């Protein structure tokens, strides 16, 4: 019974951390609940996708992460850009400061 309570608590903590970092709450809840200590540590060190620089595909115009090698919409092979777009976090901070 005590293990179930511990697993649920670690699952909730891992799910919340994963969601804050832009990933799935359910996925990190399950990982952290099944492997309590290591699952939560994995959620904490997981990469934050919202802080990644982005770029625009020259062929179709889709905005992707700068580290993507292929555009998932049109299949164009992408070189690393000289100029990158602001990250999602930066844009949301600008919108909060200057609402239209």
PDB file of N, CA and C in Angstrom:
ATOM      1  N   UNK A   1       0.821  -1.193   0.000  1.00  0.00           N
ATOM      2  CA  UNK A   1       0.000   0.000   0.000  1.00  0.00           C
ATOM      3  C   UNK A   1       0.870   1.263   0.000  1.00  0.00           C
ATOM      4  N   UNK A   2       1.944   1.237   0.778  1.00  0.00           N
ATOM      5  CA  UNK A   2       2.822   2.400   0.851  1.00  0.00           C
ATOM      6  C   UNK A   2       3.494   2.644  -0.502  1.00  0.00           C
ATOM      7  N   UNK A   3       3.845   1.557  -1.221  1.00  0.00           N
ATOM      8  CA  UNK A   3       4.477   1.717  -2.533  1.00  0.00           C
ATOM      9  C   UNK A   3       3.532   2.409  -3.508  1.00  0.00           C
ATOM     10  N   UNK A   4       2.265   2.104  -3.452  1.00  0.00           N
ATOM     11  CA  UNK A   4       1.286   2.719  -4.356  1.00  0.00           C
ATOM     12  C   UNK A   4       1.194   4.228  -4.093  1.00  0.00           C
ATOM     13  N   UNK A   5       1.176   4.620  -2.834  1.00  0.00           N
ATOM     14  CA  UNK A   5       1.117   6.041  -2.496  1.00  0.00           C
ATOM     15  C   UNK A   5       2.378   6.750  -2.978  1.00  0.00           C
ATOM     16  N   UNK A   6       3.538   6.131  -2.758  1.00  0.00           N
ATOM     17  CA  UNK A   6       4.810   6.708  -3.211  1.00  0.00           C
ATOM     18  C   UNK A   6       4.831   6.811  -4.730  1.00  0.00           C
ATOM     19  N   UNK A   7       4.386   5.754  -5.420  1.00  0.00           N
ATOM     20  CA  UNK A   7       4.381   5.758  -6.884  1.00  0.00           C
ATOM     21  C   UNK A   7       3.460   6.847  -7.430  1.00  0.00           C
ATOM     22  N   UNK A   8       2.314   7.046  -6.813  1.00  0.00           N
ATOM     23  CA  UNK A   8       1.381   8.084  -7.271  1.00  0.00           C
ATOM     24  C   UNK A   8       1.978   9.475  -7.034  1.00  0.00           C
ATOM     25  N   UNK A   9       2.604   9.670  -5.889  1.00  0.00           N
ATOM     26  CA  UNK A   9       3.215  10.979  -5.594  1.00  0.00           C
ATOM     27  C   UNK A   9       4.348  11.286  -6.565  1.00  0.00           C
ATOM     28  N   UNK A  10       5.226  10.304  -6.794  1.00  0.00           N
ATOM     29  CA  UNK A  10       6.308  10.512  -7.762  1.00  0.00           C
ATOM     30  C   UNK A  10       5.752  10.680  -9.172  1.00  0.00           C
ATOM     31  N   UNK A  11       4.675   9.936  -9.490  1.00  0.00           N
ATOM     32  CA  UNK A  11       4.045  10.070 -10.798  1.00  0.00           C
ATOM     33  C   UNK A  11       3.494  11.459 -11.025  1.00  0.00           C
ATOM     34  N   UNK A  12       2.812  12.003 -10.033  1.00  0.00           N
ATOM     35  CA  UNK A  12       2.287  13.366 -10.147  1.00  0.00           C
ATOM     36  C   UNK A  12       3.411  14.383 -10.296  1.00  0.00           C
ATOM     37  N   UNK A  13       4.460  14.234  -9.490  1.00  0.00           N
ATOM     38  CA  UNK A  13       5.583  15.172  -9.577  1.00  0.00           C
ATOM     39  C   UNK A  13       6.249  15.088 -10.947  1.00  0.00           C
ATOM     40  N   UNK A  14       6.487  13.881 -11.441  1.00  0.00           N
ATOM     41  CA  UNK A  14       7.105  13.723 -12.755  1.00  0.00           C
ATOM     42  C   UNK A  14       6.222  14.237 -13.871  1.00  0.00           C
ATOM     43  N   UNK A  15       4.905  14.010 -13.755  1.00  0.00           N
ATOM     44  CA  UNK A  15       3.974  14.504 -14.754  1.00  0.00           C
ATOM     45  C   UNK A  15       3.930  16.017 -14.810  1.00  0.00           C
ATOM     46  N   UNK A  16       3.959  16.650 -13.654  1.00  0.00           N
ATOM     47  CA  UNK A  16       3.939  18.114 -13.604  1.00  0.00           C
ATOM     48  C   UNK A  16       5.227  18.690 -14.181  1.00  0.00           C
ATOM     49  N   UNK A  17       6.373  18.105 -13.810  1.00  0.00           N
ATOM     50  CA  UNK A  17       7.654  18.578 -14.348  1.00  0.00           C
ATOM     51  C   UNK A  17       7.694  18.384 -15.862  1.00  0.00           C
ATOM     52  N   UNK A  18       7.255  17.228 -16.339  1.00  0.00           N
ATOM     53  CA  UNK A  18       7.228  16.972 -17.777  1.00  0.00           C
ATOM     54  C   UNK A  18       6.330  17.939 -18.522  1.00  0.00           C
ATOM     55  N   UNK A  19       5.179  18.264 -17.951  1.00  0.00           N
ATOM     56  CA  UNK A  19       4.245  19.194 -18.594  1.00  0.00           C
ATOM     57  C   UNK A  19       4.817  20.609 -18.634  1.00  0.00           C
ATOM     58  N   UNK A  20       5.492  21.012 -17.568  1.00  0.00           N
ATOM     59  CA  UNK A  20       6.124  22.332 -17.540  1.00  0.00           C
ATOM     60  C   UNK A  20       7.170  22.442 -18.641  1.00  0.00           C
ATOM     61  N   UNK A  21       7.861  21.341 -18.923  1.00  0.00           N
ATOM     62  CA  UNK A  21       8.908  21.349 -19.944  1.00  0.00           C
ATOM     63  C   UNK A  21       8.346  21.160 -21.355  1.00  0.00           C
ATOM     64  N   UNK A  22       7.031  21.083 -21.497  1.00  0.00           N
ATOM     65  CA  UNK A  22       6.414  21.029 -22.815  1.00  0.00           C
ATOM     66  C   UNK A  22       6.151  19.633 -23.333  1.00  0.00           C
ATOM     67  N   UNK A  23       6.198  18.639 -22.485  1.00  0.00           N
ATOM     68  CA  UNK A  23       5.969  17.268 -22.902  1.00  0.00           C
ATOM     69  C   UNK A  23       4.610  16.795 -22.373  1.00  0.00           C
ATOM     70  N   UNK A  24       4.335  15.516 -22.508  1.00  0.00           N
ATOM     71  CA  UNK A  24       3.062  14.947 -22.106  1.00  0.00           C
ATOM     72  C   UNK A  24       3.017  14.666 -20.604  1.00  0.00           C
ATOM     73  N   UNK A  25       1.964  15.143 -19.940  1.00  0.00           N
ATOM     74  CA  UNK A  25       1.787  14.860 -18.517  1.00  0.00           C
ATOM     75  C   UNK A  25       1.620  13.367 -18.298  1.00  0.00           C
ATOM     76  N   UNK A  26       0.774  12.733 -19.105  1.00  0.00           N
ATOM     77  CA  UNK A  26       0.479  11.313 -18.922  1.00  0.00           C
ATOM     78  C   UNK A  26       1.727  10.450 -19.094  1.00  0.00           C
ATOM     79  N   UNK A  27       2.525  10.761 -20.099  1.00  0.00           N
ATOM     80  CA  UNK A  27       3.750   9.998 -20.336  1.00  0.00           C
ATOM     81  C   UNK A  27       4.681  10.061 -19.130  1.00  0.00           C
ATOM     82  N   UNK A  28       4.942  11.257 -18.623  1.00  0.00           N
ATOM     83  CA  UNK A  28       5.854  11.400 -17.487  1.00  0.00           C
ATOM     84  C   UNK A  28       5.222  10.914 -16.196  1.00  0.00           C
ATOM     85  N   UNK A  29       3.905  10.959 -16.070  1.00  0.00           N
ATOM     86  CA  UNK A  29       3.228  10.377 -14.916  1.00  0.00           C
ATOM     87  C   UNK A  29       3.478   8.874 -14.875  1.00  0.00           C
ATOM     88  N   UNK A  30       3.316   8.230 -16.024  1.00  0.00           N
ATOM     89  CA  UNK A  30       3.529   6.776 -16.080  1.00  0.00           C
ATOM     90  C   UNK A  30       4.985   6.396 -15.834  1.00  0.00           C
ATOM     91  N   UNK A  31       5.902   7.108 -16.466  1.00  0.00           N
ATOM     92  CA  UNK A  31       7.325   6.803 -16.279  1.00  0.00           C
ATOM     93  C   UNK A  31       7.723   7.007 -14.824  1.00  0.00           C
ATOM     94  N   UNK A  32       7.342   8.130 -14.243  1.00  0.00           N
ATOM     95  CA  UNK A  32       7.720   8.428 -12.858  1.00  0.00           C
ATOM     96  C   UNK A  32       6.991   7.545 -11.861  1.00  0.00           C
ATOM     97  N   UNK A  33       5.806   7.087 -12.202  1.00  0.00           N
ATOM     98  CA  UNK A  33       5.076   6.192 -11.310  1.00  0.00           C
ATOM     99  C   UNK A  33       5.607   4.773 -11.336  1.00  0.00           C
ATOM    100  N   UNK A  34       6.037   4.309 -12.495  1.00  0.00           N
ATOM    101  CA  UNK A  34       6.558   2.946 -12.602  1.00  0.00           C
ATOM    102  C   UNK A  34       7.969   2.815 -12.032  1.00  0.00           C
ATOM    103  N   UNK A  35       8.783   3.833 -12.217  1.00  0.00           N
ATOM    104  CA  UNK A  35      10.152   3.834 -11.703  1.00  0.00           C
ATOM    105  C   UNK A  35      10.320   5.124 -10.895  1.00  0.00           C
ATOM    106  N   UNK A  36       9.821   5.151  -9.660  1.00  0.00           N
ATOM    107  CA  UNK A  36       9.654   6.412  -8.940  1.00  0.00           C
ATOM    108  C   UNK A  36      10.848   7.364  -8.907  1.00  0.00           C
ATOM    109  N   UNK A  37      11.948   6.996  -8.375  1.00  0.00           N
ATOM    110  CA  UNK A  37      13.045   7.957  -8.216  1.00  0.00           C
ATOM    111  C   UNK A  37      13.682   8.281  -9.560  1.00  0.00           C
ATOM    112  N   UNK A  38      14.000   7.265 -10.339  1.00  0.00           N
ATOM    113  CA  UNK A  38      14.674   7.492 -11.622  1.00  0.00           C
ATOM    114  C   UNK A  38      13.763   8.151 -12.647  1.00  0.00           C
ATOM    115  N   UNK A  39      12.468   7.883 -12.586  1.00  0.00           N
ATOM    116  CA  UNK A  39      11.526   8.528 -13.494  1.00  0.00           C
ATOM    117  C   UNK A  39      11.427  10.021 -13.252  1.00  0.00           C
ATOM    118  N   UNK A  40      11.401  10.413 -11.985  1.00  0.00           N
ATOM    119  CA  UNK A  40      11.357  11.837 -11.662  1.00  0.00           C
ATOM    120  C   UNK A  40      12.663  12.525 -12.053  1.00  0.00           C
ATOM    121  N   UNK A  41      13.792  11.868 -11.805  1.00  0.00           N
ATOM    122  CA  UNK A  41      15.079  12.433 -12.221  1.00  0.00           C
ATOM    123  C   UNK A  41      15.146  12.599 -13.740  1.00  0.00           C
ATOM    124  N   UNK A  42      14.611  11.623 -14.476  1.00  0.00           N
ATOM    125  CA  UNK A  42      14.594  11.721 -15.934  1.00  0.00           C
ATOM    126  C   UNK A  42      13.736  12.900 -16.387  1.00  0.00           C
ATOM    127  N   UNK A  43      12.613  13.128 -15.726  1.00  0.00           N
ATOM    128  CA  UNK A  43      11.754  14.263 -16.078  1.00  0.00           C
ATOM    129  C   UNK A  43      12.453  15.592 -15.792  1.00  0.00           C
ATOM    130  N   UNK A  44      13.232  15.628 -14.727  1.00  0.00           N
ATOM    131  CA  UNK A  44      13.925  16.866 -14.373  1.00  0.00           C
ATOM    132  C   UNK A  44      15.019  17.185 -15.380  1.00  0.00           C
ATOM    133  N   UNK A  45      15.774  16.182 -15.834  1.00  0.00           N
ATOM    134  CA  UNK A  45      16.877  16.440 -16.764  1.00  0.00           C
ATOM    135  C   UNK A  45      16.429  16.414 -18.225  1.00  0.00           C
ATOM    136  N   UNK A  46      15.173  16.110 -18.486  1.00  0.00           N
ATOM    137  CA  UNK A  46      14.639  16.094 -19.846  1.00  0.00           C
ATOM    138  C   UNK A  46      14.757  17.476 -20.483  1.00  0.00           C
ATOM    139  N   UNK A  47      15.065  17.514 -21.739  1.00  0.00           N
ATOM    140  CA  UNK A  47      15.278  18.770 -22.460  1.00  0.00           C
ATOM    141  C   UNK A  47      13.984  19.572 -22.582  1.00  0.00           C
ATOM    142  N   UNK A  48      14.103  20.865 -22.424  1.00  0.00           N
ATOM    143  CA  UNK A  48      12.961  21.762 -22.534  1.00  0.00           C
ATOM    144  C   UNK A  48      12.819  22.192 -23.995  1.00  0.00           C
ATOM    145  N   UNK A  49      11.795  21.692 -24.664  1.00  0.00           N
ATOM    146  CA  UNK A  49      11.598  21.956 -26.086  1.00  0.00           C
ATOM    147  C   UNK A  49      11.192  23.400 -26.389  1.00  0.00           C
ATOM    148  N   UNK A  50      10.625  24.090 -25.436  1.00  0.00           N
ATOM    149  CA  UNK A  50      10.145  25.447 -25.688  1.00  0.00           C
ATOM    150  C   UNK A  50      11.280  26.455 -25.812  1.00  0.00           C
ATOM    151  N   UNK A  51      12.462  26.114 -25.305  1.00  0.00           N
ATOM    152  CA  UNK A  51      13.588  27.037 -25.362  1.00  0.00           C
ATOM    153  C   UNK A  51      14.475  26.833 -26.587  1.00  0.00           C
ATOM    154  N   UNK A  52      14.131  25.903 -27.457  1.00  0.00           N
ATOM    155  CA  UNK A  52      14.937  25.613 -28.639  1.00  0.00           C
ATOM    156  C   UNK A  52      14.716  26.666 -29.721  1.00  0.00           C
ATOM    157  N   UNK A  53      15.785  27.118 -30.365  1.00  0.00           N
ATOM    158  CA  UNK A  53      15.606  28.061 -31.479  1.00  0.00           C
ATOM    159  C   UNK A  53      14.887  27.384 -32.640  1.00  0.00           C
ATOM    160  N   UNK A  54      14.197  28.168 -33.443  1.00  0.00           N
ATOM    161  CA  UNK A  54      13.414  27.626 -34.551  1.00  0.00           C
ATOM    162  C   UNK A  54      13.856  28.242 -35.872  1.00  0.00           C
ATOM    163  N   UNK A  55      13.389  27.652 -36.954  1.00  0.00           N
ATOM    164  CA  UNK A  55      13.643  28.180 -38.296  1.00  0.00           C
ATOM    165  C   UNK A  55      12.436  27.899 -39.171  1.00  0.00           C
ATOM    166  N   UNK A  56      12.415  28.554 -40.328  1.00  0.00           N
ATOM    167  CA  UNK A  56      11.310  28.398 -41.254  1.00  0.00           C
ATOM    168  C   UNK A  56      11.797  27.632 -42.475  1.00  0.00           C
ATOM    169  N   UNK A  57      11.009  26.667 -42.927  1.00  0.00           N
ATOM    170  CA  UNK A  57      11.359  25.883 -44.113  1.00  0.00           C
ATOM    171  C   UNK A  57      11.303  26.794 -45.342  1.00  0.00           C
ATOM    172  N   UNK A  58      12.354  26.787 -46.167  1.00  0.00           N
ATOM    173  CA  UNK A  58      12.351  27.668 -47.338  1.00  0.00           C
ATOM    174  C   UNK A  58      11.348  27.243 -48.412  1.00  0.00           C
ATOM    175  N   UNK A  59      10.920  25.990 -48.384  1.00  0.00           N
ATOM    176  CA  UNK A  59      10.014  25.498 -49.428  1.00  0.00           C
ATOM    177  C   UNK A  59       8.545  25.692 -49.077  1.00  0.00           C
ATOM    178  N   UNK A  60       8.140  25.237 -47.875  1.00  0.00           N
ATOM    179  CA  UNK A  60       6.712  25.302 -47.530  1.00  0.00           C
ATOM    180  C   UNK A  60       6.387  26.354 -46.479  1.00  0.00           C
ATOM    181  N   UNK A  61       7.390  26.875 -45.778  1.00  0.00           N
ATOM    182  CA  UNK A  61       7.175  27.922 -44.792  1.00  0.00           C
ATOM    183  C   UNK A  61       6.855  27.443 -43.392  1.00  0.00           C
ATOM    184  N   UNK A  62       6.854  26.134 -43.171  1.00  0.00           N
ATOM    185  CA  UNK A  62       6.561  25.607 -41.844  1.00  0.00           C
ATOM    186  C   UNK A  62       7.689  25.969 -40.878  1.00  0.00           C
ATOM    187  N   UNK A  63       7.334  26.351 -39.662  1.00  0.00           N
ATOM    188  CA  UNK A  63       8.319  26.669 -38.633  1.00  0.00           C
ATOM    189  C   UNK A  63       8.641  25.379 -37.876  1.00  0.00           C
ATOM    190  N   UNK A  64       9.939  25.010 -37.870  1.00  0.00           N
ATOM    191  CA  UNK A  64      10.405  23.803 -37.189  1.00  0.00           C
ATOM    192  C   UNK A  64      11.528  24.161 -36.234  1.00  0.00           C
ATOM    193  N   UNK A  65      11.937  23.217 -35.427  1.00  0.00           N
ATOM    194  CA  UNK A  65      13.076  23.422 -34.543  1.00  0.00           C
ATOM    195  C   UNK A  65      14.345  23.515 -35.391  1.00  0.00           C
ATOM    196  N   UNK A  66      15.312  24.285 -34.947  1.00  0.00           N
ATOM    197  CA  UNK A  66      16.532  24.518 -35.720  1.00  0.00           C
ATOM    198  C   UNK A  66      17.353  23.240 -35.889  1.00  0.00           C
ATOM    199  N   UNK A  67      17.218  22.288 -34.983  1.00  0.00           N
ATOM    200  CA  UNK A  67      18.000  21.056 -35.075  1.00  0.00           C
ATOM    201  C   UNK A  67      17.392  20.019 -36.013  1.00  0.00           C
ATOM    202  N   UNK A  68      16.166  20.240 -36.515  1.00  0.00           N
ATOM    203  CA  UNK A  68      15.545  19.299 -37.449  1.00  0.00           C
ATOM    204  C   UNK A  68      16.308  19.268 -38.763  1.00  0.00           C
ATOM    205  N   UNK A  69      16.557  18.073 -39.290  1.00  0.00           N
ATOM    206  CA  UNK A  69      17.302  17.935 -40.539  1.00  0.00           C
ATOM    207  C   UNK A  69      16.375  17.881 -41.750  1.00  0.00           C
ATOM    208  N   UNK A  70      15.105  17.498 -41.537  1.00  0.00           N
ATOM    209  CA  UNK A  70      14.143  17.359 -42.634  1.00  0.00           C
ATOM    210  C   UNK A  70      12.828  18.000 -42.206  1.00  0.00           C
ATOM    211  N   UNK A  71      12.220  18.756 -43.116  1.00  0.00           N
ATOM    212  CA  UNK A  71      10.907  19.346 -42.851  1.00  0.00           C
ATOM    213  C   UNK A  71       9.876  18.220 -42.858  1.00  0.00           C
ATOM    214  N   UNK A  72       9.094  18.118 -41.801  1.00  0.00           N
ATOM    215  CA  UNK A  72       8.120  17.030 -41.689  1.00  0.00           C
ATOM    216  C   UNK A  72       6.890  17.252 -42.567  1.00  0.00           C
ATOM    217  N   UNK A  73       6.691  18.448 -43.088  1.00  0.00           N
ATOM    218  CA  UNK A  73       5.547  18.710 -43.954  1.00  0.00           C
ATOM    219  C   UNK A  73       5.857  18.369 -45.407  1.00  0.00           C
ATOM    220  N   UNK A  74       6.983  18.901 -45.936  1.00  0.00           N
ATOM    221  CA  UNK A  74       7.248  18.733 -47.367  1.00  0.00           C
ATOM    222  C   UNK A  74       8.423  17.807 -47.667  1.00  0.00           C
ATOM    223  N   UNK A  75       9.215  17.430 -46.652  1.00  0.00           N
ATOM    224  CA  UNK A  75      10.318  16.501 -46.859  1.00  0.00           C
ATOM    225  C   UNK A  75      11.613  17.143 -47.349  1.00  0.00           C
ATOM    226  N   UNK A  76      11.686  18.457 -47.337  1.00  0.00           N
ATOM    227  CA  UNK A  76      12.895  19.148 -47.779  1.00  0.00           C
ATOM    228  C   UNK A  76      14.016  18.924 -46.772  1.00  0.00           C
ATOM    229  N   UNK A  77      15.214  18.609 -47.280  1.00  0.00           N
ATOM    230  CA  UNK A  77      16.375  18.478 -46.400  1.00  0.00           C
ATOM    231  C   UNK A  77      16.842  19.878 -46.025  1.00  0.00           C
ATOM    232  N   UNK A  78      17.015  20.119 -44.742  1.00  0.00           N
ATOM    233  CA  UNK A  78      17.317  21.453 -44.240  1.00  0.00           C
ATOM    234  C   UNK A  78      18.755  21.526 -43.749  1.00  0.00           C
ATOM    235  N   UNK A  79      19.434  22.585 -44.124  1.00  0.00           N
ATOM    236  CA  UNK A  79      20.765  22.886 -43.593  1.00  0.00           C
ATOM    237  C   UNK A  79      20.570  23.716 -42.330  1.00  0.00           C
ATOM    238  N   UNK A  80      21.575  23.721 -41.447  1.00  0.00           N
ATOM    239  CA  UNK A  80      21.450  24.552 -40.244  1.00  0.00           C
ATOM    240  C   UNK A  80      21.476  26.019 -40.676  1.00  0.00           C
ATOM    241  N   UNK A  81      20.486  26.811 -40.253  1.00  0.00           N
ATOM    242  CA  UNK A  81      20.372  28.193 -40.740  1.00  0.00           C
ATOM    243  C   UNK A  81      21.390  29.135 -40.103  1.00  0.00           C
ATOM    244  N   UNK A  82      21.732  30.166 -40.852  1.00  0.00           N
ATOM    245  CA  UNK A  82      22.595  31.204 -40.299  1.00  0.00           C
ATOM    246  C   UNK A  82      21.807  32.096 -39.340  1.00  0.00           C
ATOM    247  N   UNK A  83      20.531  32.296 -39.638  1.00  0.00           N
ATOM    248  CA  UNK A  83      19.665  33.121 -38.804  1.00  0.00           C
ATOM    249  C   UNK A  83      18.525  32.242 -38.309  1.00  0.00           C
ATOM    250  N   UNK A  84      18.304  32.238 -36.996  1.00  0.00           N
ATOM    251  CA  UNK A  84      17.223  31.441 -36.428  1.00  0.00           C
ATOM    252  C   UNK A  84      16.139  32.360 -35.897  1.00  0.00           C
ATOM    253  N   UNK A  85      14.923  31.817 -35.775  1.00  0.00           N
ATOM    254  CA  UNK A  85      13.802  32.550 -35.206  1.00  0.00           C
ATOM    255  C   UNK A  85      13.839  32.434 -33.690  1.00  0.00           C
ATOM    256  N   UNK A  86      13.134  33.285 -33.014  1.00  0.00           N
ATOM    257  CA  UNK A  86      13.070  33.248 -31.551  1.00  0.00           C
ATOM    258  C   UNK A  86      12.386  31.965 -31.096  1.00  0.00           C
ATOM    259  N   UNK A  87      12.725  31.508 -29.902  1.00  0.00           N
ATOM    260  CA  UNK A  87      12.102  30.315 -29.346  1.00  0.00           C
ATOM    261  C   UNK A  87      10.662  30.619 -28.951  1.00  0.00           C
ATOM    262  N   UNK A  88       9.893  29.559 -28.683  1.00  0.00           N
ATOM    263  CA  UNK A  88       8.494  29.729 -28.283  1.00  0.00           C
ATOM    264  C   UNK A  88       8.388  30.494 -26.971  1.00  0.00           C
ATOM    265  N   UNK A  89       9.316  30.251 -26.054  1.00  0.00           N
ATOM    266  CA  UNK A  89       9.300  30.947 -24.777  1.00  0.00           C
ATOM    267  C   UNK A  89       9.501  32.436 -24.965  1.00  0.00           C
ATOM    268  N   UNK A  90      10.437  32.819 -25.817  1.00  0.00           N
ATOM    269  CA  UNK A  90      10.711  34.225 -26.068  1.00  0.00           C
ATOM    270  C   UNK A  90       9.495  34.914 -26.679  1.00  0.00           C
ATOM    271  N   UNK A  91       8.848  34.255 -27.625  1.00  0.00           N
ATOM    272  CA  UNK A  91       7.667  34.854 -28.255  1.00  0.00           C
ATOM    273  C   UNK A  91       6.511  35.007 -27.275  1.00  0.00           C
ATOM    274  N   UNK A  92       6.320  34.022 -26.402  1.00  0.00           N
ATOM    275  CA  UNK A  92       5.222  34.142 -25.431  1.00  0.00           C
ATOM    276  C   UNK A  92       5.505  35.236 -24.411  1.00  0.00           C
ATOM    277  N   UNK A  93       6.793  35.450 -24.066  1.00  0.00           N
ATOM    278  CA  UNK A  93       7.148  36.536 -23.156  1.00  0.00           C
ATOM    279  C   UNK A  93       6.891  37.888 -23.815  1.00  0.00           C
ATOM    280  N   UNK A  94       7.211  38.004 -25.112  1.00  0.00           N
ATOM    281  CA  UNK A  94       6.950  39.258 -25.826  1.00  0.00           C
ATOM    282  C   UNK A  94       5.463  39.550 -25.909  1.00  0.00           C
ATOM    283  N   UNK A  95       4.656  38.511 -26.136  1.00  0.00           N
ATOM    284  CA  UNK A  95       3.212  38.695 -26.229  1.00  0.00           C
ATOM    285  C   UNK A  95       2.627  39.142 -24.897  1.00  0.00           C
ATOM    286  N   UNK A  96       3.197  38.655 -23.800  1.00  0.00           N
ATOM    287  CA  UNK A  96       2.706  39.048 -22.488  1.00  0.00           C
ATOM    288  C   UNK A  96       3.043  40.501 -22.176  1.00  0.00           C
ATOM    289  N   UNK A  97       4.188  40.956 -22.676  1.00  0.00           N
ATOM    290  CA  UNK A  97       4.610  42.330 -22.416  1.00  0.00           C
ATOM    291  C   UNK A  97       3.850  43.307 -23.312  1.00  0.00           C
ATOM    292  N   UNK A  98       3.706  42.970 -24.596  1.00  0.00           N
ATOM    293  CA  UNK A  98       3.049  43.843 -25.568  1.00  0.00           C
ATOM    294  C   UNK A  98       1.811  43.195 -26.143  1.00  0.00           C
ATOM    295  N   UNK A  99       0.683  43.128 -25.410  1.00  0.00           N
ATOM    296  CA  UNK A  99      -0.524  42.521 -25.970  1.00  0.00           C
ATOM    297  C   UNK A  99      -1.089  43.381 -27.099  1.00  0.00           C
ATOM    298  N   UNK A 100      -1.560  42.729 -28.147  1.00  0.00           N
ATOM    299  CA  UNK A 100      -2.101  43.465 -29.306  1.00  0.00           C
ATOM    300  C   UNK A 100      -3.547  43.799 -29.129  1.00  0.00           C
TER     301      UNK A 100
END
